[in-house]
């Protein structure tokens, strides 16, 4: 009789998945300053915490086990599929990897990494010319790299919810906003009126649905 493969305690998968996604982010972001390393470190910590519960030890499942087993006695919450809590709690009966939240998660993660890469190319070229980055994604929002990190983190959060990552997410968003404001002060000091004009016509994090002539602000 074949026993089912374990869903947790797979620490090699924790390490491999963490390293793969952290490496991708590092390749596209290429942190240099202490500020860059802080934002990248927080992003990495989120991924390690997420994959630890996804493949290592399901802390959230254990903490909520009493409520979950009372509410859903027919569900084996120590199976990997049941760990996709949104699909499970909303009654998704098919493979959760094809559920609406998992599909939306994949779109956000891929889109976030693409935005991170596209923004880095523009920023790198601008830094080499000692010029203001204001084209590509930077023509739409002022902080596409931080927006990309948030998209990726939110995508993973849609895919796999844990108490720790749910608590970390708003803290990370707050941190990215603070880092973005600090970068804006530096850019204003370096580029002066050029950056002030750029900031007046370009939103910080959310692209405008429609650009109107003479509209300013962020």
N, C-alpha and C. Protein backbone atom coordinates (compact mmCIF):
# COMPACT_ATOMS: atom_id res chain seq x y z
N UNK A 1 0.85 -1.20 0.00
CA UNK A 1 0.00 0.00 0.00
C UNK A 1 0.88 1.24 0.00
N UNK A 2 0.62 2.13 -0.97
CA UNK A 2 1.41 3.34 -1.09
C UNK A 2 0.85 4.44 -0.20
N UNK A 3 1.69 5.01 0.62
CA UNK A 3 1.27 6.13 1.45
C UNK A 3 1.42 7.42 0.66
N UNK A 4 0.49 8.40 0.89
CA UNK A 4 0.61 9.66 0.18
C UNK A 4 1.88 10.40 0.56
N UNK A 5 2.43 11.11 -0.42
CA UNK A 5 3.65 11.88 -0.17
C UNK A 5 3.35 12.99 0.84
N UNK A 6 4.31 13.29 1.71
CA UNK A 6 4.07 14.34 2.70
C UNK A 6 3.89 15.70 2.04
N UNK A 7 3.00 16.52 2.63
CA UNK A 7 2.76 17.85 2.09
C UNK A 7 3.65 18.89 2.74
N UNK A 8 4.18 18.59 3.94
CA UNK A 8 5.01 19.54 4.66
C UNK A 8 6.29 18.86 5.12
N UNK A 9 7.17 19.63 5.71
CA UNK A 9 8.48 19.10 6.06
C UNK A 9 9.40 19.00 4.87
N UNK A 10 9.03 19.66 3.76
CA UNK A 10 9.81 19.61 2.53
C UNK A 10 10.75 20.82 2.51
N UNK A 11 11.75 20.80 3.37
CA UNK A 11 12.61 21.97 3.55
C UNK A 11 13.47 22.26 2.33
N UNK A 12 13.76 21.24 1.54
CA UNK A 12 14.51 21.51 0.31
C UNK A 12 13.70 22.39 -0.63
N UNK A 13 12.37 22.18 -0.68
CA UNK A 13 11.52 23.04 -1.51
C UNK A 13 11.43 24.46 -0.95
N UNK A 14 11.47 24.58 0.36
CA UNK A 14 11.49 25.91 0.97
C UNK A 14 12.72 26.67 0.50
N UNK A 15 13.88 26.01 0.56
CA UNK A 15 15.13 26.65 0.17
C UNK A 15 15.16 26.95 -1.32
N UNK A 16 14.77 25.97 -2.14
CA UNK A 16 14.84 26.13 -3.59
C UNK A 16 13.91 27.25 -4.06
N UNK A 17 12.65 27.22 -3.61
CA UNK A 17 11.70 28.25 -4.05
C UNK A 17 12.11 29.63 -3.56
N UNK A 18 12.57 29.72 -2.32
CA UNK A 18 13.02 31.01 -1.80
C UNK A 18 14.17 31.56 -2.63
N UNK A 19 15.17 30.70 -2.89
CA UNK A 19 16.34 31.15 -3.64
C UNK A 19 15.98 31.55 -5.07
N UNK A 20 15.11 30.79 -5.71
CA UNK A 20 14.75 31.08 -7.10
C UNK A 20 14.10 32.45 -7.21
N UNK A 21 13.09 32.71 -6.38
CA UNK A 21 12.38 33.99 -6.50
C UNK A 21 13.22 35.15 -5.98
N UNK A 22 14.02 34.92 -4.96
CA UNK A 22 14.90 35.98 -4.48
C UNK A 22 15.95 36.30 -5.54
N UNK A 23 16.46 35.28 -6.22
CA UNK A 23 17.45 35.50 -7.28
C UNK A 23 16.84 36.29 -8.44
N UNK A 24 15.61 35.93 -8.84
CA UNK A 24 14.95 36.69 -9.90
C UNK A 24 14.82 38.15 -9.51
N UNK A 25 14.35 38.40 -8.29
CA UNK A 25 14.17 39.77 -7.83
C UNK A 25 15.51 40.50 -7.79
N UNK A 26 16.55 39.82 -7.31
CA UNK A 26 17.88 40.43 -7.26
C UNK A 26 18.38 40.77 -8.66
N UNK A 27 18.14 39.88 -9.62
CA UNK A 27 18.59 40.10 -10.99
C UNK A 27 17.93 41.31 -11.62
N UNK A 28 16.66 41.54 -11.29
CA UNK A 28 15.91 42.64 -11.89
C UNK A 28 16.04 43.94 -11.11
N UNK A 29 16.34 43.85 -9.81
CA UNK A 29 16.38 45.04 -8.96
C UNK A 29 17.80 45.54 -8.75
N UNK A 30 18.76 44.62 -8.58
CA UNK A 30 20.16 44.93 -8.39
C UNK A 30 20.37 46.01 -7.32
N UNK A 31 20.12 45.67 -6.05
CA UNK A 31 20.27 46.67 -4.98
C UNK A 31 21.71 47.14 -4.85
N UNK A 32 21.86 48.45 -4.60
CA UNK A 32 23.19 49.03 -4.43
C UNK A 32 23.29 49.80 -3.13
N UNK A 33 22.34 50.68 -2.87
CA UNK A 33 22.39 51.51 -1.68
C UNK A 33 21.84 50.75 -0.48
N UNK A 34 22.08 51.30 0.71
CA UNK A 34 21.51 50.69 1.93
C UNK A 34 19.99 50.69 1.86
N UNK A 35 19.43 51.71 1.25
CA UNK A 35 17.97 51.79 1.08
C UNK A 35 17.49 50.66 0.19
N UNK A 36 18.21 50.40 -0.91
CA UNK A 36 17.86 49.29 -1.80
C UNK A 36 17.90 47.96 -1.05
N UNK A 37 18.94 47.78 -0.26
CA UNK A 37 19.09 46.51 0.45
C UNK A 37 18.01 46.32 1.50
N UNK A 38 17.56 47.40 2.12
CA UNK A 38 16.47 47.27 3.09
C UNK A 38 15.19 46.80 2.42
N UNK A 39 14.86 47.40 1.28
CA UNK A 39 13.64 47.01 0.59
C UNK A 39 13.75 45.59 0.06
N UNK A 40 14.92 45.23 -0.45
CA UNK A 40 15.12 43.87 -0.97
C UNK A 40 15.12 42.86 0.16
N UNK A 41 15.72 43.21 1.30
CA UNK A 41 15.75 42.30 2.44
C UNK A 41 14.35 42.02 2.98
N UNK A 42 13.51 43.06 3.04
CA UNK A 42 12.15 42.87 3.53
C UNK A 42 11.36 41.97 2.57
N UNK A 43 11.54 42.19 1.27
CA UNK A 43 10.91 41.35 0.25
C UNK A 43 11.34 39.90 0.42
N UNK A 44 12.64 39.68 0.62
CA UNK A 44 13.17 38.32 0.77
C UNK A 44 12.62 37.65 2.02
N UNK A 45 12.51 38.41 3.12
CA UNK A 45 11.99 37.85 4.37
C UNK A 45 10.55 37.39 4.20
N UNK A 46 9.77 38.15 3.45
CA UNK A 46 8.38 37.78 3.18
C UNK A 46 8.33 36.44 2.43
N UNK A 47 9.17 36.30 1.41
CA UNK A 47 9.16 35.06 0.62
C UNK A 47 9.60 33.86 1.46
N UNK A 48 10.61 34.03 2.29
CA UNK A 48 11.06 32.92 3.14
C UNK A 48 9.94 32.50 4.10
N UNK A 49 9.27 33.50 4.70
CA UNK A 49 8.17 33.18 5.61
C UNK A 49 7.04 32.46 4.88
N UNK A 50 6.76 32.91 3.66
CA UNK A 50 5.68 32.29 2.88
C UNK A 50 6.00 30.85 2.53
N UNK A 51 7.18 30.61 1.96
CA UNK A 51 7.52 29.26 1.52
C UNK A 51 7.76 28.32 2.70
N UNK A 52 8.15 28.87 3.85
CA UNK A 52 8.29 28.04 5.04
C UNK A 52 6.95 27.43 5.43
N UNK A 53 5.89 28.22 5.35
CA UNK A 53 4.56 27.67 5.68
C UNK A 53 3.97 26.88 4.52
N UNK A 54 4.37 27.19 3.31
CA UNK A 54 3.83 26.47 2.16
C UNK A 54 4.37 25.05 2.07
N UNK A 55 5.64 24.88 2.40
CA UNK A 55 6.27 23.56 2.25
C UNK A 55 6.91 23.01 3.52
N UNK A 56 7.20 23.88 4.49
CA UNK A 56 7.92 23.45 5.68
C UNK A 56 7.02 23.10 6.84
N UNK A 57 6.59 24.12 7.56
CA UNK A 57 5.75 23.90 8.73
C UNK A 57 4.52 24.79 8.64
N UNK A 58 3.30 24.21 8.58
CA UNK A 58 2.07 25.00 8.38
C UNK A 58 1.58 25.64 9.68
N UNK A 59 2.30 26.65 10.15
CA UNK A 59 1.97 27.27 11.42
C UNK A 59 0.54 27.80 11.46
N UNK A 60 0.13 28.46 10.37
CA UNK A 60 -1.23 29.03 10.33
C UNK A 60 -2.29 27.94 10.43
N UNK A 61 -2.08 26.83 9.74
CA UNK A 61 -3.03 25.72 9.80
C UNK A 61 -3.14 25.19 11.22
N UNK A 62 -2.01 25.05 11.89
CA UNK A 62 -2.03 24.55 13.26
C UNK A 62 -2.72 25.53 14.21
N UNK A 63 -2.44 26.82 14.05
CA UNK A 63 -3.06 27.80 14.93
C UNK A 63 -4.57 27.88 14.74
N UNK A 64 -5.03 27.65 13.51
CA UNK A 64 -6.46 27.73 13.20
C UNK A 64 -7.12 26.36 13.12
N UNK A 65 -6.39 25.30 13.52
CA UNK A 65 -6.88 23.94 13.29
C UNK A 65 -8.22 23.68 13.97
N UNK A 66 -8.40 24.17 15.18
CA UNK A 66 -9.67 23.93 15.88
C UNK A 66 -10.85 24.50 15.12
N UNK A 67 -10.75 25.75 14.72
CA UNK A 67 -11.83 26.39 13.97
C UNK A 67 -12.02 25.74 12.61
N UNK A 68 -10.92 25.45 11.91
CA UNK A 68 -11.02 24.87 10.57
C UNK A 68 -11.68 23.49 10.60
N UNK A 69 -11.27 22.64 11.54
CA UNK A 69 -11.84 21.30 11.60
C UNK A 69 -13.30 21.31 12.03
N UNK A 70 -13.67 22.28 12.86
CA UNK A 70 -15.08 22.40 13.26
C UNK A 70 -15.93 22.86 12.09
N UNK A 71 -15.41 23.83 11.34
CA UNK A 71 -16.18 24.40 10.23
C UNK A 71 -16.15 23.52 8.98
N UNK A 72 -15.01 22.85 8.75
CA UNK A 72 -14.86 22.03 7.54
C UNK A 72 -14.33 20.65 7.93
N UNK A 73 -15.15 19.84 8.59
CA UNK A 73 -14.66 18.54 9.09
C UNK A 73 -14.25 17.57 7.99
N UNK A 74 -14.74 17.77 6.77
CA UNK A 74 -14.43 16.84 5.69
C UNK A 74 -13.10 17.15 5.00
N UNK A 75 -12.47 18.27 5.34
CA UNK A 75 -11.26 18.70 4.65
C UNK A 75 -10.02 18.27 5.43
N UNK A 76 -9.06 17.69 4.72
CA UNK A 76 -7.78 17.36 5.32
C UNK A 76 -6.86 18.58 5.18
N UNK A 77 -6.77 19.37 6.22
CA UNK A 77 -6.02 20.62 6.14
C UNK A 77 -4.51 20.43 6.17
N UNK A 78 -4.06 19.20 6.33
CA UNK A 78 -2.63 18.95 6.23
C UNK A 78 -2.24 18.52 4.82
N UNK A 79 -3.20 18.52 3.90
CA UNK A 79 -2.88 18.29 2.49
C UNK A 79 -2.46 19.62 1.87
N UNK A 80 -1.64 19.55 0.85
CA UNK A 80 -1.15 20.79 0.23
C UNK A 80 -2.28 21.60 -0.40
N UNK A 81 -3.20 20.90 -1.09
CA UNK A 81 -4.28 21.62 -1.77
C UNK A 81 -5.13 22.42 -0.78
N UNK A 82 -5.37 21.88 0.41
CA UNK A 82 -6.20 22.59 1.39
C UNK A 82 -5.49 23.81 1.94
N UNK A 83 -4.16 23.87 1.77
CA UNK A 83 -3.42 25.03 2.22
C UNK A 83 -3.74 26.29 1.44
N UNK A 84 -4.35 26.14 0.25
CA UNK A 84 -4.83 27.30 -0.49
C UNK A 84 -6.15 27.73 0.16
N UNK A 85 -6.05 28.47 1.22
CA UNK A 85 -7.19 28.67 2.11
C UNK A 85 -8.35 29.40 1.46
N UNK A 86 -8.09 30.37 0.61
CA UNK A 86 -9.21 31.11 0.02
C UNK A 86 -10.08 30.19 -0.81
N UNK A 87 -9.46 29.38 -1.67
CA UNK A 87 -10.26 28.44 -2.46
C UNK A 87 -10.99 27.45 -1.57
N UNK A 88 -10.29 26.96 -0.54
CA UNK A 88 -10.90 25.97 0.35
C UNK A 88 -12.08 26.56 1.10
N UNK A 89 -11.90 27.73 1.70
CA UNK A 89 -12.95 28.34 2.51
C UNK A 89 -14.16 28.78 1.68
N UNK A 90 -13.92 29.09 0.41
CA UNK A 90 -15.02 29.52 -0.46
C UNK A 90 -15.64 28.35 -1.22
N UNK A 91 -15.19 27.13 -0.93
CA UNK A 91 -15.85 25.96 -1.49
C UNK A 91 -15.41 25.57 -2.88
N UNK A 92 -14.22 25.98 -3.31
CA UNK A 92 -13.72 25.57 -4.62
C UNK A 92 -13.41 24.08 -4.59
N UNK A 93 -14.09 23.30 -5.42
CA UNK A 93 -13.99 21.85 -5.34
C UNK A 93 -12.91 21.27 -6.24
N UNK A 94 -12.51 21.98 -7.27
CA UNK A 94 -11.53 21.46 -8.21
C UNK A 94 -10.11 21.76 -7.71
N UNK A 95 -9.13 21.42 -8.53
CA UNK A 95 -7.74 21.69 -8.20
C UNK A 95 -7.55 23.18 -7.90
N UNK A 96 -7.07 23.54 -6.70
CA UNK A 96 -6.95 24.96 -6.36
C UNK A 96 -5.95 25.70 -7.23
N UNK A 97 -5.04 24.99 -7.89
CA UNK A 97 -4.09 25.64 -8.77
C UNK A 97 -4.77 26.23 -10.00
N UNK A 98 -6.01 25.81 -10.26
CA UNK A 98 -6.79 26.38 -11.36
C UNK A 98 -7.94 27.23 -10.83
N UNK A 99 -7.89 27.54 -9.55
CA UNK A 99 -8.91 28.39 -8.95
C UNK A 99 -8.70 29.86 -9.29
N UNK A 100 -9.71 30.70 -9.08
CA UNK A 100 -9.63 32.11 -9.47
C UNK A 100 -8.53 32.87 -8.74
N UNK A 101 -8.34 32.57 -7.47
CA UNK A 101 -7.32 33.30 -6.71
C UNK A 101 -5.91 32.90 -7.14
N UNK A 102 -5.73 31.62 -7.43
CA UNK A 102 -4.41 31.16 -7.87
C UNK A 102 -4.08 31.73 -9.25
N UNK A 103 -5.05 31.78 -10.14
CA UNK A 103 -4.82 32.35 -11.48
C UNK A 103 -4.50 33.84 -11.36
N UNK A 104 -5.29 34.57 -10.55
CA UNK A 104 -5.01 35.99 -10.34
C UNK A 104 -3.63 36.19 -9.73
N UNK A 105 -3.27 35.28 -8.81
CA UNK A 105 -1.96 35.34 -8.19
C UNK A 105 -0.85 35.23 -9.22
N UNK A 106 -0.96 34.25 -10.11
CA UNK A 106 0.06 34.06 -11.14
C UNK A 106 0.20 35.29 -12.03
N UNK A 107 -0.93 35.89 -12.39
CA UNK A 107 -0.90 37.08 -13.24
C UNK A 107 -0.17 38.22 -12.53
N UNK A 108 -0.48 38.43 -11.25
CA UNK A 108 0.15 39.51 -10.49
C UNK A 108 1.65 39.26 -10.32
N UNK A 109 2.03 38.03 -10.04
CA UNK A 109 3.45 37.73 -9.83
C UNK A 109 4.24 37.92 -11.11
N UNK A 110 3.75 37.37 -12.22
CA UNK A 110 4.45 37.53 -13.50
C UNK A 110 4.48 39.00 -13.91
N UNK A 111 3.34 39.68 -13.77
CA UNK A 111 3.29 41.10 -14.12
C UNK A 111 4.22 41.92 -13.25
N UNK A 112 4.30 41.59 -11.95
CA UNK A 112 5.19 42.31 -11.06
C UNK A 112 6.65 42.14 -11.42
N UNK A 113 7.05 40.91 -11.74
CA UNK A 113 8.45 40.69 -12.13
C UNK A 113 8.76 41.38 -13.46
N UNK A 114 7.80 41.38 -14.38
CA UNK A 114 8.04 42.07 -15.64
C UNK A 114 8.20 43.57 -15.42
N UNK A 115 7.34 44.14 -14.58
CA UNK A 115 7.43 45.57 -14.27
C UNK A 115 8.76 45.88 -13.59
N UNK A 116 9.20 45.02 -12.68
CA UNK A 116 10.47 45.22 -12.00
C UNK A 116 11.63 45.24 -13.00
N UNK A 117 11.59 44.31 -13.95
CA UNK A 117 12.64 44.24 -14.98
C UNK A 117 12.60 45.46 -15.90
N UNK A 118 11.41 45.82 -16.36
CA UNK A 118 11.29 46.96 -17.27
C UNK A 118 11.73 48.26 -16.60
N UNK A 119 11.37 48.42 -15.33
CA UNK A 119 11.76 49.63 -14.60
C UNK A 119 13.27 49.67 -14.38
N UNK A 120 13.85 48.51 -14.05
CA UNK A 120 15.29 48.49 -13.81
C UNK A 120 16.07 48.89 -15.07
N UNK A 121 15.65 48.44 -16.25
CA UNK A 121 16.34 48.81 -17.48
C UNK A 121 16.36 50.31 -17.67
N UNK A 122 15.21 50.96 -17.45
CA UNK A 122 15.13 52.41 -17.62
C UNK A 122 15.98 53.12 -16.57
N UNK A 123 15.88 52.67 -15.31
CA UNK A 123 16.62 53.32 -14.23
C UNK A 123 18.13 53.15 -14.42
N UNK A 124 18.56 51.97 -14.83
CA UNK A 124 19.99 51.73 -15.04
C UNK A 124 20.55 52.63 -16.13
N UNK A 125 19.81 52.75 -17.24
CA UNK A 125 20.26 53.61 -18.33
C UNK A 125 20.31 55.07 -17.89
N UNK A 126 19.33 55.50 -17.13
CA UNK A 126 19.31 56.89 -16.65
C UNK A 126 20.45 57.15 -15.68
N UNK A 127 20.75 56.20 -14.80
CA UNK A 127 21.85 56.38 -13.85
C UNK A 127 23.19 56.46 -14.55
N UNK A 128 23.36 55.72 -15.61
CA UNK A 128 24.62 55.79 -16.36
C UNK A 128 24.80 57.16 -17.01
N UNK A 129 23.69 57.80 -17.40
CA UNK A 129 23.76 59.14 -18.00
C UNK A 129 23.66 60.24 -16.95
N UNK A 130 23.48 59.83 -15.67
CA UNK A 130 23.22 60.77 -14.59
C UNK A 130 22.04 61.67 -14.93
N UNK A 131 20.99 61.01 -15.44
CA UNK A 131 19.78 61.71 -15.88
C UNK A 131 18.59 61.22 -15.07
N UNK A 132 17.49 61.93 -15.19
CA UNK A 132 16.25 61.57 -14.50
C UNK A 132 15.55 60.45 -15.26
N UNK A 133 15.18 59.39 -14.56
CA UNK A 133 14.42 58.29 -15.18
C UNK A 133 12.98 58.73 -15.32
N UNK A 134 12.52 58.93 -16.56
CA UNK A 134 11.16 59.42 -16.77
C UNK A 134 10.50 58.80 -17.99
N UNK A 135 11.04 57.69 -18.46
CA UNK A 135 10.46 57.01 -19.62
C UNK A 135 10.03 55.61 -19.22
N UNK A 136 9.41 54.90 -20.16
CA UNK A 136 8.95 53.55 -19.88
C UNK A 136 7.99 53.54 -18.70
N UNK A 137 8.14 52.60 -17.77
CA UNK A 137 7.25 52.58 -16.60
C UNK A 137 7.30 53.87 -15.78
N UNK A 138 8.46 54.56 -15.82
CA UNK A 138 8.61 55.80 -15.05
C UNK A 138 7.81 56.95 -15.67
N UNK A 139 7.34 56.77 -16.89
CA UNK A 139 6.46 57.78 -17.48
C UNK A 139 5.03 57.63 -16.98
N UNK A 140 4.73 56.50 -16.37
CA UNK A 140 3.37 56.20 -15.91
C UNK A 140 3.24 56.42 -14.40
N UNK A 141 4.23 55.93 -13.64
CA UNK A 141 4.26 56.15 -12.19
C UNK A 141 5.71 56.44 -11.79
N UNK A 142 5.88 57.12 -10.66
CA UNK A 142 7.22 57.53 -10.23
C UNK A 142 8.01 56.40 -9.58
N UNK A 143 7.31 55.40 -9.04
CA UNK A 143 8.01 54.35 -8.30
C UNK A 143 7.60 52.96 -8.78
N UNK A 144 7.88 52.64 -10.04
CA UNK A 144 7.44 51.34 -10.57
C UNK A 144 8.11 50.15 -9.89
N UNK A 145 9.35 50.31 -9.40
CA UNK A 145 10.00 49.16 -8.77
C UNK A 145 9.32 48.81 -7.44
N UNK A 146 9.00 49.81 -6.65
CA UNK A 146 8.30 49.52 -5.41
C UNK A 146 6.89 48.99 -5.69
N UNK A 147 6.24 49.54 -6.70
CA UNK A 147 4.92 49.03 -7.09
C UNK A 147 5.02 47.58 -7.53
N UNK A 148 6.11 47.24 -8.22
CA UNK A 148 6.32 45.85 -8.65
C UNK A 148 6.47 44.91 -7.46
N UNK A 149 7.25 45.33 -6.46
CA UNK A 149 7.40 44.51 -5.26
C UNK A 149 6.04 44.26 -4.60
N UNK A 150 5.22 45.30 -4.50
CA UNK A 150 3.91 45.15 -3.87
C UNK A 150 3.02 44.21 -4.67
N UNK A 151 3.06 44.32 -6.01
CA UNK A 151 2.28 43.41 -6.86
C UNK A 151 2.69 41.96 -6.63
N UNK A 152 3.99 41.71 -6.58
CA UNK A 152 4.48 40.35 -6.39
C UNK A 152 4.06 39.82 -5.02
N UNK A 153 4.24 40.64 -3.98
CA UNK A 153 3.88 40.20 -2.63
C UNK A 153 2.39 39.94 -2.52
N UNK A 154 1.58 40.82 -3.11
CA UNK A 154 0.13 40.62 -3.05
C UNK A 154 -0.27 39.39 -3.84
N UNK A 155 0.43 39.14 -4.95
CA UNK A 155 0.16 37.93 -5.72
C UNK A 155 0.41 36.67 -4.92
N UNK A 156 1.54 36.63 -4.22
CA UNK A 156 1.82 35.47 -3.36
C UNK A 156 0.81 35.37 -2.22
N UNK A 157 0.37 36.51 -1.72
CA UNK A 157 -0.60 36.50 -0.63
C UNK A 157 -1.94 35.95 -1.09
N UNK A 158 -2.33 36.23 -2.33
CA UNK A 158 -3.56 35.65 -2.87
C UNK A 158 -3.45 34.14 -3.00
N UNK A 159 -2.25 33.69 -3.31
CA UNK A 159 -2.04 32.27 -3.55
C UNK A 159 -1.99 31.46 -2.25
N UNK A 160 -1.35 32.03 -1.23
CA UNK A 160 -1.15 31.27 0.00
C UNK A 160 -1.17 32.23 1.18
N UNK A 161 -2.21 32.17 2.00
CA UNK A 161 -2.36 33.12 3.09
C UNK A 161 -1.82 32.51 4.38
N UNK A 162 -1.02 33.27 5.10
CA UNK A 162 -0.56 32.87 6.42
C UNK A 162 -0.74 34.06 7.36
N UNK A 163 -0.81 33.76 8.64
CA UNK A 163 -0.97 34.82 9.62
C UNK A 163 0.24 35.76 9.57
N UNK A 164 1.44 35.19 9.45
CA UNK A 164 2.65 36.01 9.46
C UNK A 164 2.73 36.92 8.24
N UNK A 165 2.48 36.37 7.04
CA UNK A 165 2.59 37.20 5.84
C UNK A 165 1.45 38.22 5.74
N UNK A 166 0.27 37.87 6.27
CA UNK A 166 -0.81 38.86 6.31
C UNK A 166 -0.44 40.03 7.22
N UNK A 167 0.28 39.73 8.29
CA UNK A 167 0.74 40.80 9.18
C UNK A 167 1.89 41.59 8.57
N UNK A 168 2.75 40.90 7.82
CA UNK A 168 3.91 41.56 7.22
C UNK A 168 3.53 42.47 6.07
N UNK A 169 2.50 42.11 5.30
CA UNK A 169 2.21 42.82 4.06
C UNK A 169 1.97 44.33 4.27
N UNK A 170 1.05 44.75 5.17
CA UNK A 170 0.85 46.19 5.33
C UNK A 170 2.09 46.90 5.86
N UNK A 171 2.89 46.21 6.67
CA UNK A 171 4.13 46.82 7.16
C UNK A 171 5.10 47.06 6.01
N UNK A 172 5.19 46.09 5.09
CA UNK A 172 6.07 46.23 3.93
C UNK A 172 5.59 47.35 3.01
N UNK A 173 4.28 47.43 2.79
CA UNK A 173 3.75 48.51 1.96
C UNK A 173 4.09 49.86 2.57
N UNK A 174 3.91 49.99 3.88
CA UNK A 174 4.25 51.24 4.58
C UNK A 174 5.74 51.55 4.44
N UNK A 175 6.58 50.52 4.53
CA UNK A 175 8.01 50.71 4.40
C UNK A 175 8.38 51.19 3.00
N UNK A 176 7.74 50.60 1.98
CA UNK A 176 8.04 51.00 0.60
C UNK A 176 7.60 52.44 0.34
N UNK A 177 6.48 52.84 0.93
CA UNK A 177 6.04 54.23 0.77
C UNK A 177 7.06 55.17 1.40
N UNK A 178 7.54 54.84 2.59
CA UNK A 178 8.55 55.68 3.25
C UNK A 178 9.85 55.73 2.45
N UNK A 179 10.27 54.61 1.91
CA UNK A 179 11.48 54.59 1.10
C UNK A 179 11.30 55.42 -0.16
N UNK A 180 10.11 55.34 -0.76
CA UNK A 180 9.84 56.12 -1.96
C UNK A 180 9.89 57.61 -1.67
N UNK A 181 9.34 58.02 -0.54
CA UNK A 181 9.37 59.44 -0.18
C UNK A 181 10.80 59.91 0.05
N UNK A 182 11.62 59.06 0.69
CA UNK A 182 13.02 59.41 0.90
C UNK A 182 13.76 59.55 -0.43
N UNK A 183 13.48 58.66 -1.38
CA UNK A 183 14.10 58.75 -2.69
C UNK A 183 13.67 60.03 -3.41
N UNK A 184 12.41 60.42 -3.23
CA UNK A 184 11.93 61.64 -3.86
C UNK A 184 12.67 62.87 -3.33
N UNK A 185 12.95 62.90 -2.04
CA UNK A 185 13.70 64.03 -1.49
C UNK A 185 15.11 64.08 -2.09
N UNK A 186 15.73 62.90 -2.23
CA UNK A 186 17.06 62.85 -2.85
C UNK A 186 17.02 63.31 -4.30
N UNK A 187 16.01 62.84 -5.04
CA UNK A 187 15.90 63.21 -6.45
C UNK A 187 15.63 64.69 -6.61
N UNK A 188 14.83 65.25 -5.72
CA UNK A 188 14.54 66.69 -5.79
C UNK A 188 15.81 67.50 -5.52
N UNK A 189 16.62 67.02 -4.58
CA UNK A 189 17.88 67.71 -4.29
C UNK A 189 18.84 67.61 -5.47
N UNK A 190 18.82 66.49 -6.18
CA UNK A 190 19.75 66.29 -7.29
C UNK A 190 19.29 66.95 -8.58
N UNK A 191 17.98 66.84 -8.89
CA UNK A 191 17.50 67.30 -10.19
C UNK A 191 16.67 68.59 -10.12
N UNK A 192 16.32 69.03 -8.93
CA UNK A 192 15.64 70.31 -8.76
C UNK A 192 14.33 70.42 -9.50
N UNK A 193 14.19 71.48 -10.28
CA UNK A 193 12.93 71.76 -10.97
C UNK A 193 12.53 70.66 -11.94
N UNK A 194 13.52 69.98 -12.52
CA UNK A 194 13.20 68.90 -13.47
C UNK A 194 12.41 67.80 -12.76
N UNK A 195 12.84 67.44 -11.56
CA UNK A 195 12.10 66.41 -10.83
C UNK A 195 10.78 66.94 -10.31
N UNK A 196 10.75 68.19 -9.87
CA UNK A 196 9.50 68.77 -9.38
C UNK A 196 8.44 68.75 -10.48
N UNK A 197 8.84 69.09 -11.70
CA UNK A 197 7.89 69.05 -12.81
C UNK A 197 7.45 67.64 -13.14
N UNK A 198 8.40 66.71 -13.10
CA UNK A 198 8.09 65.31 -13.34
C UNK A 198 7.10 64.79 -12.30
N UNK A 199 7.36 65.11 -11.03
CA UNK A 199 6.48 64.65 -9.95
C UNK A 199 5.09 65.27 -10.07
N UNK A 200 5.01 66.48 -10.58
CA UNK A 200 3.72 67.15 -10.69
C UNK A 200 2.83 66.50 -11.74
N UNK A 201 3.44 65.90 -12.76
CA UNK A 201 2.62 65.33 -13.84
C UNK A 201 2.54 63.80 -13.80
N UNK A 202 3.28 63.17 -12.87
CA UNK A 202 3.33 61.70 -12.84
C UNK A 202 2.91 61.20 -11.47
N UNK A 203 1.89 60.34 -11.40
CA UNK A 203 1.45 59.80 -10.10
C UNK A 203 2.56 58.98 -9.44
N UNK A 204 2.47 58.82 -8.14
CA UNK A 204 3.51 58.10 -7.40
C UNK A 204 3.42 56.59 -7.61
N UNK A 205 2.25 56.01 -7.38
CA UNK A 205 2.13 54.55 -7.38
C UNK A 205 1.01 54.02 -8.28
N UNK A 206 -0.04 54.81 -8.49
CA UNK A 206 -1.20 54.34 -9.24
C UNK A 206 -1.32 55.13 -10.54
N UNK A 207 -1.24 54.47 -11.69
CA UNK A 207 -1.36 55.20 -12.96
C UNK A 207 -2.74 55.80 -13.12
N UNK A 208 -2.79 56.95 -13.74
CA UNK A 208 -4.08 57.57 -14.01
C UNK A 208 -4.80 56.80 -15.11
N UNK A 209 -6.10 56.70 -14.97
CA UNK A 209 -6.89 56.03 -16.01
C UNK A 209 -6.83 56.79 -17.31
N UNK A 210 -6.74 58.11 -17.21
CA UNK A 210 -6.71 58.94 -18.40
C UNK A 210 -5.93 60.20 -18.08
N UNK A 211 -4.97 60.53 -18.90
CA UNK A 211 -4.21 61.76 -18.72
C UNK A 211 -4.97 62.93 -19.32
N UNK A 212 -5.05 64.00 -18.57
CA UNK A 212 -5.72 65.19 -19.07
C UNK A 212 -4.73 66.33 -19.13
N UNK A 213 -4.87 67.18 -20.09
CA UNK A 213 -3.97 68.29 -20.32
C UNK A 213 -3.97 69.21 -19.12
N UNK A 214 -2.78 69.50 -18.61
CA UNK A 214 -2.65 70.47 -17.53
C UNK A 214 -2.96 69.90 -16.17
N UNK A 215 -3.29 68.58 -16.08
CA UNK A 215 -3.61 68.01 -14.77
C UNK A 215 -2.31 67.71 -14.02
N UNK A 216 -2.22 68.09 -12.77
CA UNK A 216 -1.01 67.89 -12.00
C UNK A 216 -1.34 67.17 -10.71
N UNK A 217 -0.31 66.66 -10.08
CA UNK A 217 -0.50 66.01 -8.78
C UNK A 217 -0.18 64.54 -8.84
N UNK A 218 -0.16 63.88 -7.69
CA UNK A 218 0.16 62.47 -7.66
C UNK A 218 -0.65 61.79 -6.58
